[in-house]
Every structure is written in structure tokens, then in C-alpha cells.
Amino acid sequence: MDDALILEFKVRDEEDEETLKETVASALCQIKEKQYAAQLIARGIPLERIRCYGFAFEGKKVLIGN
């Protein structure tokens, strides 16, 4: 069985986040809070096969976390 990917992209909000690392954390938190994996699990994809990545942008800078 193939892996499934969940990607969340965010632009750093200077008022709410001091660093790109905080923006990545916010993206990953959103994936969990909104239960994006639920549809994939319902299709029979096991949770351990679902990979989640948060992308944080600030101009030309990008940070990716999982």
C-alpha cells in the first residue's frame, strides 16, 4: 500500500508567529485539529502510512516540518 501525504501551507503572520518554526507548528496543529487524516483513514489507509508536512513561507524563505 502506498503512503498518503497531507500538506498544509502557511505564510508567516508577523503578529502571531515570531519564527518560521512557529508557523510550521501552526500548520501541523491545523492538520490535527481539523482531522484531515480522517478521510484517508475512512478509505482504509492506516494512520502509520499517512505523512503530514507543514510548509511555512516568509518571502523567499521556506521551512518544512513534520
Protein backbone atom coordinates (compact mmCIF):
# COMPACT_ATOMS: atom_id res chain seq x y z
CA MET A 1 0.00 0.00 0.00
CA ASP A 2 1.25 3.49 -0.84
CA ASP A 3 1.78 6.27 1.67
CA ALA A 4 -0.61 9.20 1.79
CA LEU A 5 0.54 12.79 2.22
CA ILE A 6 -1.17 15.69 3.92
CA LEU A 7 0.37 19.08 3.14
CA GLU A 8 -0.54 22.34 4.86
CA PHE A 9 0.93 25.60 3.54
CA LYS A 10 1.09 28.77 5.63
CA VAL A 11 2.59 32.21 5.24
CA ARG A 12 4.11 33.51 8.47
CA ASP A 13 1.89 36.04 10.20
CA GLU A 14 4.24 38.51 11.89
CA GLU A 15 1.60 39.39 14.51
CA ASP A 16 1.05 35.78 15.63
CA GLU A 17 4.34 33.98 14.93
CA GLU A 18 7.89 35.07 15.67
CA THR A 19 9.62 32.42 13.55
CA LEU A 20 9.04 30.09 10.63
CA LYS A 21 9.33 27.23 13.12
CA GLU A 22 6.21 28.55 14.89
CA THR A 23 4.42 28.75 11.56
CA VAL A 24 5.28 25.11 10.80
CA ALA A 25 3.95 24.14 14.24
CA SER A 26 0.74 26.04 13.46
CA ALA A 27 0.36 24.21 10.15
CA LEU A 28 0.84 20.81 11.79
CA CYS A 29 -1.58 21.76 14.57
CA GLN A 30 -4.20 22.67 11.96
CA ILE A 31 -3.83 19.25 10.33
CA LYS A 32 -4.60 17.59 13.66
CA GLU A 33 -7.37 19.98 14.78
CA LYS A 34 -9.26 19.76 11.50
CA GLN A 35 -8.72 15.98 11.35
CA TYR A 36 -7.51 15.96 7.76
CA ALA A 37 -6.43 12.33 8.09
CA ALA A 38 -9.98 11.14 8.87
CA GLN A 39 -10.98 10.86 5.20
CA LEU A 40 -7.86 8.88 4.38
CA ILE A 41 -8.42 6.55 7.33
CA ALA A 42 -12.03 6.09 6.20
CA ARG A 43 -10.66 4.95 2.82
CA GLY A 44 -8.65 2.25 4.56
CA ILE A 45 -5.27 3.92 4.75
CA PRO A 46 -3.66 3.11 8.11
CA LEU A 47 -2.56 6.08 10.21
CA GLU A 48 1.06 4.95 10.17
CA ARG A 49 1.03 5.28 6.35
CA ILE A 50 -0.16 8.91 6.47
CA ARG A 51 2.60 11.50 6.47
CA CYS A 52 1.90 15.09 7.46
CA TYR A 53 4.03 18.07 6.45
CA GLY A 54 3.74 21.74 7.32
CA PHE A 55 5.23 24.30 4.96
CA ALA A 56 5.98 27.79 6.28
CA PHE A 57 6.78 30.69 3.96
CA GLU A 58 8.22 34.14 4.52
CA GLY A 59 9.11 35.82 1.26
CA LYS A 60 11.58 33.50 -0.45
CA LYS A 61 12.33 31.59 2.75
CA VAL A 62 10.63 28.27 3.38
CA LEU A 63 10.74 25.79 6.25
CA ILE A 64 9.24 22.31 6.06
CA GLY A 65 8.44 20.25 9.13
CA ASN A 66 6.66 17.02 10.01
